[in-house]
Amino acid sequence: MKTNYFLKKKVLITGGSSGIGLELARQLQVLGAKLILLARDEDKLQAAKSILEGLGSAPVALVSADISKPAALQTALEPFYEVPALPDILINSAGFSRPGYIEEIPLDVFQSTMDVNFMGTVSVTKAFLPGFLKRGTGQIVNISSLAGVIGTFGYSAYGASKFAIRGFSDVLRAELKSRGIAVSIVFPPDTDTPQLHWEAQYKPFETKVLAGSDKPLPVSLVAKEILTAISKKKYIIVPGAMAKLQYWLATHTGKLPFWVMDLLVADACKKKARLPDQQNE
């Protein structure tokens, strides 16, 4: 990581009260950044603020807003639209996942997943773009997922939203690089966060088999790799050695990832068929 890169930089993190967002905030606080956390739950925000201000002397600003409600979001962010309050770095980390078999996931889950994960990213980005462009500098970091590169069994709603973030980020990069705005997209694998533990209750049997014995990456490692890459203004950020390999295979080997997925799913289906009837329902 570049020495002192984040010192005194203003960093706004959506989803900053939990998971990867909160761990990014922890590490940034120690590195001397000036933090602005955006999340929906005021109590979680206050708890995060207490933790972070215990790590460093810099005060932490809070924005309580629902990123899936554009009008209210724009109002909540107004104090940060102009210099000197305008962030130097925007990290779009807010998101959630509700896995399941596609025929069992309600349509409203598809809608809410897209509203939060994709449209939330778009709304916050567009809120700050005028200020970034006027100033001529800024960094936008969008958190996608390895499920935004590889279509993963059981993640139809979540995967679609993360693929959408990937497409949005590619266009952002093309349009903004020549105008002084750096863009990054992050493809984390399974990461040890409260969200990952919560969604386990909804995972299809096959999804659990596909995950196998792989342990989720520690959130501290994921955040550290993200920040190191941000300091170097890298576009594509893939935390973890195995995830880097999976990303390379998915983007460089044609149909191979589909063949591998089919084999793994077929094996998982055989294992499911051997379960007692009550576990197979």
Protein backbone atom coordinates (compact mmCIF):
# COMPACT_ATOMS: atom_id res chain seq x y z
CA MET A 1 0.00 0.00 0.00
CA LYS A 2 1.26 3.51 -0.81
CA THR A 3 2.45 5.20 2.35
CA ASN A 4 0.01 7.82 3.68
CA TYR A 5 -2.24 7.51 0.60
CA PHE A 6 -5.42 7.72 2.68
CA LEU A 7 -4.15 10.26 5.22
CA LYS A 8 -6.74 13.07 5.58
CA LYS A 9 -8.64 11.84 2.52
CA LYS A 10 -12.42 12.04 2.89
CA VAL A 11 -13.91 8.58 2.25
CA LEU A 12 -17.64 7.89 2.09
CA ILE A 13 -18.59 4.23 2.51
CA THR A 14 -22.10 2.96 1.88
CA GLY A 15 -22.96 -0.09 3.96
CA GLY A 16 -20.31 1.18 6.35
CA SER A 17 -21.93 -0.15 9.53
CA SER A 18 -21.32 -3.85 8.84
CA GLY A 19 -19.33 -6.44 6.91
CA ILE A 20 -16.71 -5.40 4.36
CA GLY A 21 -17.81 -1.76 4.62
CA LEU A 22 -17.19 -1.62 8.36
CA GLU A 23 -13.83 -3.39 8.08
CA LEU A 24 -12.74 -0.96 5.36
CA ALA A 25 -13.72 1.84 7.73
CA ARG A 26 -11.73 0.29 10.60
CA GLN A 27 -8.56 0.11 8.53
CA LEU A 28 -9.08 3.55 7.01
CA GLN A 29 -9.55 5.11 10.43
CA VAL A 30 -6.18 3.75 11.52
CA LEU A 31 -4.67 5.08 8.27
CA GLY A 32 -5.87 8.59 9.07
CA ALA A 33 -8.78 8.95 6.65
CA LYS A 34 -11.76 11.20 7.34
CA LEU A 35 -14.75 8.85 7.29
CA ILE A 36 -18.37 9.29 6.32
CA LEU A 37 -20.50 6.19 6.87
CA LEU A 38 -23.83 5.71 5.13
CA ALA A 39 -26.28 2.99 6.20
CA ARG A 40 -29.96 2.58 6.88
CA ASP A 41 -29.87 1.47 10.54
CA GLU A 42 -29.15 4.40 12.87
CA ASP A 43 -28.32 2.14 15.82
CA LYS A 44 -25.72 0.19 13.82
CA LEU A 45 -24.25 3.45 12.56
CA GLN A 46 -23.86 4.77 16.10
CA ALA A 47 -22.25 1.49 17.20
CA ALA A 48 -19.82 1.67 14.27
CA LYS A 49 -19.01 5.30 15.10
CA SER A 50 -18.14 4.34 18.70
CA ILE A 51 -15.85 1.54 17.52
CA LEU A 52 -14.09 3.67 14.94
CA GLU A 53 -13.59 6.75 17.08
CA GLY A 54 -12.00 4.47 19.64
CA LEU A 55 -9.34 3.59 17.06
CA GLY A 56 -8.31 7.10 16.12
CA SER A 57 -8.83 10.74 16.94
CA ALA A 58 -10.68 11.72 13.75
CA PRO A 59 -14.45 12.14 14.16
CA VAL A 60 -16.68 9.94 11.99
CA ALA A 61 -19.62 11.51 10.15
CA LEU A 62 -22.83 9.51 9.73
CA VAL A 63 -25.59 9.51 7.13
CA SER A 64 -28.68 7.45 7.90
CA ALA A 65 -30.44 6.77 4.60
CA ASP A 66 -31.94 3.98 2.51
CA ILE A 67 -30.03 3.83 -0.77
CA SER A 68 -33.01 2.19 -2.45
CA LYS A 69 -35.04 5.42 -1.95
CA PRO A 70 -33.42 7.90 -4.38
CA ALA A 71 -35.28 11.08 -3.41
CA ALA A 72 -34.63 10.77 0.34
CA LEU A 73 -31.06 9.65 -0.39
CA GLN A 74 -30.29 12.76 -2.44
CA THR A 75 -31.54 14.96 0.40
CA ALA A 76 -29.51 13.10 3.02
CA LEU A 77 -26.32 13.48 0.98
CA GLU A 78 -26.71 17.20 0.18
CA PRO A 79 -24.27 18.37 2.89
CA PHE A 80 -21.48 16.48 1.10
CA TYR A 81 -22.00 17.62 -2.50
CA GLU A 82 -19.59 20.55 -2.51
CA VAL A 83 -15.94 21.11 -1.59
CA PRO A 84 -14.65 20.97 1.14
CA ALA A 85 -17.15 18.32 2.32
CA LEU A 86 -17.11 16.45 -1.02
CA PRO A 87 -15.52 12.99 -0.58
CA ASP A 88 -12.22 12.18 -2.24
CA ILE A 89 -13.17 8.49 -2.45
CA LEU A 90 -16.61 6.90 -2.71
CA ILE A 91 -16.88 3.21 -1.82
CA ASN A 92 -20.20 1.61 -2.77
CA SER A 93 -20.27 -1.37 -0.41
CA ALA A 94 -23.95 -1.58 0.57
CA GLY A 95 -25.70 -4.72 -0.55
CA PHE A 96 -27.39 -7.93 0.47
CA SER A 97 -28.04 -11.45 -0.79
CA ARG A 98 -31.00 -13.76 -0.43
CA PRO A 99 -30.12 -17.05 -2.21
CA GLY A 100 -32.47 -19.89 -3.13
CA TYR A 101 -33.76 -21.92 -6.06
CA ILE A 102 -34.86 -19.51 -8.77
CA GLU A 103 -38.44 -20.81 -8.76
CA GLU A 104 -38.68 -20.22 -5.00
CA ILE A 105 -37.26 -16.69 -4.81
CA PRO A 106 -40.19 -14.24 -4.83
CA LEU A 107 -40.23 -11.52 -7.47
CA ASP A 108 -40.10 -8.85 -4.80
CA VAL A 109 -36.73 -10.25 -3.66
CA PHE A 110 -35.39 -9.84 -7.20
CA GLN A 111 -36.69 -6.26 -7.18
CA SER A 112 -35.33 -5.33 -3.75
CA THR A 113 -31.96 -6.93 -4.52
CA MET A 114 -31.66 -4.88 -7.70
CA ASP A 115 -32.90 -1.72 -5.94
CA VAL A 116 -30.28 -1.96 -3.19
CA ASN A 117 -27.28 -3.58 -4.86
CA PHE A 118 -27.43 -2.07 -8.33
CA MET A 119 -29.68 1.00 -8.25
CA GLY A 120 -28.25 1.98 -4.85
CA THR A 121 -24.77 1.97 -6.38
CA VAL A 122 -26.01 4.00 -9.35
CA SER A 123 -27.91 6.51 -7.18
CA VAL A 124 -25.02 7.26 -4.81
CA THR A 125 -22.55 7.46 -7.70
CA LYS A 126 -24.71 9.89 -9.64
CA ALA A 127 -25.24 11.99 -6.53
CA PHE A 128 -21.50 12.71 -6.28
CA LEU A 129 -20.54 12.73 -9.97
CA PRO A 130 -21.31 16.43 -10.57
CA GLY A 131 -19.01 17.41 -7.71
CA PHE A 132 -16.26 15.01 -8.81
CA LEU A 133 -16.41 16.27 -12.38
CA LYS A 134 -16.43 19.90 -11.33
CA ARG A 135 -13.39 19.33 -9.12
CA GLY A 136 -11.71 17.10 -11.73
CA THR A 137 -10.64 14.42 -9.24
CA GLY A 138 -12.17 11.53 -7.32
CA GLN A 139 -12.25 7.78 -6.94
CA ILE A 140 -15.29 5.52 -7.20
CA VAL A 141 -15.00 1.96 -5.89
CA ASN A 142 -17.88 -0.42 -6.56
CA ILE A 143 -18.12 -3.70 -4.65
CA SER A 144 -19.42 -6.43 -6.94
CA SER A 145 -18.75 -10.11 -6.16
CA LEU A 146 -17.15 -13.19 -7.68
CA ALA A 147 -20.83 -14.03 -8.29
CA GLY A 148 -20.78 -11.07 -10.67
CA VAL A 149 -18.26 -12.93 -12.84
CA ILE A 150 -19.36 -16.56 -12.45
CA GLY A 151 -23.04 -17.47 -12.53
CA THR A 152 -23.34 -19.35 -9.24
CA PHE A 153 -26.05 -21.93 -8.48
CA GLY A 154 -28.60 -20.46 -6.06
CA TYR A 155 -27.71 -16.81 -6.59
CA SER A 156 -29.97 -15.74 -9.44
CA ALA A 157 -31.14 -12.48 -7.84
CA TYR A 158 -27.83 -11.56 -6.24
CA GLY A 159 -25.72 -12.60 -9.23
CA ALA A 160 -27.83 -10.54 -11.62
CA SER A 161 -27.39 -7.43 -9.47
CA LYS A 162 -23.63 -7.95 -9.21
CA PHE A 163 -23.26 -8.57 -12.96
CA ALA A 164 -25.13 -5.29 -13.43
CA ILE A 165 -22.61 -3.49 -11.21
CA ARG A 166 -19.85 -4.96 -13.35
CA GLY A 167 -21.37 -3.56 -16.55
CA PHE A 168 -22.05 -0.19 -14.93
CA SER A 169 -18.46 0.02 -13.68
CA ASP A 170 -16.99 -0.83 -17.08
CA VAL A 171 -18.90 2.06 -18.62
CA LEU A 172 -18.00 4.41 -15.74
CA ARG A 173 -14.33 3.63 -16.27
CA ALA A 174 -14.58 4.27 -20.02
CA GLU A 175 -16.37 7.59 -19.55
CA LEU A 176 -14.54 9.00 -16.53
CA LYS A 177 -10.85 8.04 -16.80
CA SER A 178 -10.03 10.83 -19.22
CA ARG A 179 -11.88 13.28 -16.96
CA GLY A 180 -9.75 12.65 -13.88
CA ILE A 181 -12.01 10.19 -12.05
CA ALA A 182 -10.56 6.78 -11.17
CA VAL A 183 -12.93 3.80 -11.03
CA SER A 184 -12.38 0.41 -9.41
CA ILE A 185 -14.53 -2.71 -9.21
CA VAL A 186 -14.07 -5.36 -6.53
CA PHE A 187 -14.92 -9.06 -6.95
CA PRO A 188 -14.70 -10.57 -3.45
CA PRO A 189 -15.24 -14.32 -2.92
CA ASP A 190 -17.15 -15.61 0.11
CA THR A 191 -16.08 -13.39 3.00
CA ASP A 192 -16.63 -13.98 6.70
CA THR A 193 -19.29 -11.36 7.38
CA PRO A 194 -22.68 -11.27 9.17
CA GLN A 195 -24.37 -11.25 5.73
CA LEU A 196 -22.73 -14.55 4.73
CA HIS A 197 -23.84 -16.21 7.95
CA TRP A 198 -27.40 -14.85 7.59
CA GLU A 199 -27.87 -16.09 4.05
CA ALA A 200 -26.83 -19.66 4.94
CA GLN A 201 -30.39 -20.40 6.03
CA TYR A 202 -31.60 -19.90 2.44
CA LYS A 203 -28.82 -21.65 0.49
CA PRO A 204 -29.92 -24.64 -1.62
CA PHE A 205 -28.23 -27.94 -0.83
CA GLU A 206 -26.32 -27.81 -4.10
CA THR A 207 -24.95 -24.34 -3.30
CA LYS A 208 -23.58 -25.60 0.00
CA VAL A 209 -21.94 -28.56 -1.75
CA LEU A 210 -20.39 -26.25 -4.37
CA ALA A 211 -18.86 -24.18 -1.60
CA GLY A 212 -17.40 -27.42 -0.27
CA SER A 213 -14.86 -27.13 2.49
CA ASP A 214 -13.64 -23.73 1.31
CA LYS A 215 -13.44 -21.38 4.23
CA PRO A 216 -14.59 -17.81 3.63
CA LEU A 217 -11.80 -15.27 3.57
CA PRO A 218 -11.26 -13.20 6.73
CA VAL A 219 -12.86 -9.80 6.24
CA SER A 220 -9.65 -8.11 7.43
CA LEU A 221 -7.67 -9.70 4.58
CA VAL A 222 -10.29 -8.75 1.99
CA ALA A 223 -10.38 -5.13 3.18
CA LYS A 224 -6.58 -4.84 3.24
CA GLU A 225 -6.28 -6.10 -0.35
CA ILE A 226 -9.01 -3.72 -1.48
CA LEU A 227 -7.33 -0.71 0.12
CA THR A 228 -3.92 -1.62 -1.27
CA ALA A 229 -5.39 -1.82 -4.78
CA ILE A 230 -7.33 1.44 -4.33
CA SER A 231 -4.09 3.20 -3.35
CA LYS A 232 -2.63 2.02 -6.68
CA LYS A 233 -5.83 3.01 -8.56
CA LYS A 234 -6.27 -0.48 -9.97
CA TYR A 235 -9.48 -1.07 -11.88
CA ILE A 236 -10.06 -4.78 -11.24
CA ILE A 237 -9.61 -5.89 -7.62
CA VAL A 238 -9.94 -9.58 -6.71
CA PRO A 239 -9.04 -10.37 -3.09
CA GLY A 240 -7.55 -13.80 -2.33
CA ALA A 241 -5.32 -16.14 -4.35
CA MET A 242 -8.03 -18.70 -5.15
CA ALA A 243 -10.47 -15.98 -6.20
CA LYS A 244 -7.83 -14.52 -8.53
CA LEU A 245 -7.47 -17.94 -10.15
CA GLN A 246 -11.24 -18.34 -10.48
CA TYR A 247 -11.54 -14.87 -11.98
CA TRP A 248 -8.79 -15.62 -14.51
CA LEU A 249 -10.37 -18.93 -15.51
CA ALA A 250 -13.80 -17.30 -15.88
CA THR A 251 -12.46 -14.51 -18.10
CA HIS A 252 -9.78 -16.31 -20.14
CA THR A 253 -10.87 -19.88 -20.82
CA GLY A 254 -14.03 -19.67 -22.89
CA LYS A 255 -16.58 -22.36 -22.03
CA LEU A 256 -14.43 -24.12 -19.44
CA PRO A 257 -16.13 -22.47 -16.42
CA PHE A 258 -19.54 -23.68 -17.66
CA TRP A 259 -18.28 -27.24 -18.08
CA VAL A 260 -16.78 -27.19 -14.60
CA MET A 261 -19.98 -25.75 -13.11
CA ASP A 262 -22.07 -28.42 -14.83
CA LEU A 263 -19.86 -31.20 -13.46
CA LEU A 264 -19.96 -29.77 -9.94
CA VAL A 265 -23.73 -29.29 -10.01
CA ALA A 266 -24.25 -32.82 -11.35
CA ASP A 267 -22.17 -34.18 -8.47
CA ALA A 268 -24.14 -32.09 -5.96
CA CYS A 269 -27.43 -33.37 -7.39
CA LYS A 270 -26.25 -36.97 -6.93
CA LYS A 271 -25.38 -36.26 -3.32
CA LYS A 272 -28.79 -34.67 -2.78
CA ALA A 273 -30.54 -37.70 -4.28
CA ARG A 274 -28.84 -39.93 -1.72
CA LEU A 275 -30.17 -37.93 1.22
CA PRO A 276 -33.05 -39.29 3.32
CA ASP A 277 -36.38 -38.06 1.98
CA GLN A 278 -36.97 -35.58 4.80
CA GLN A 279 -33.62 -33.88 4.08
CA ASN A 280 -34.28 -33.85 0.36
CA GLU A 281 -37.37 -31.70 0.54
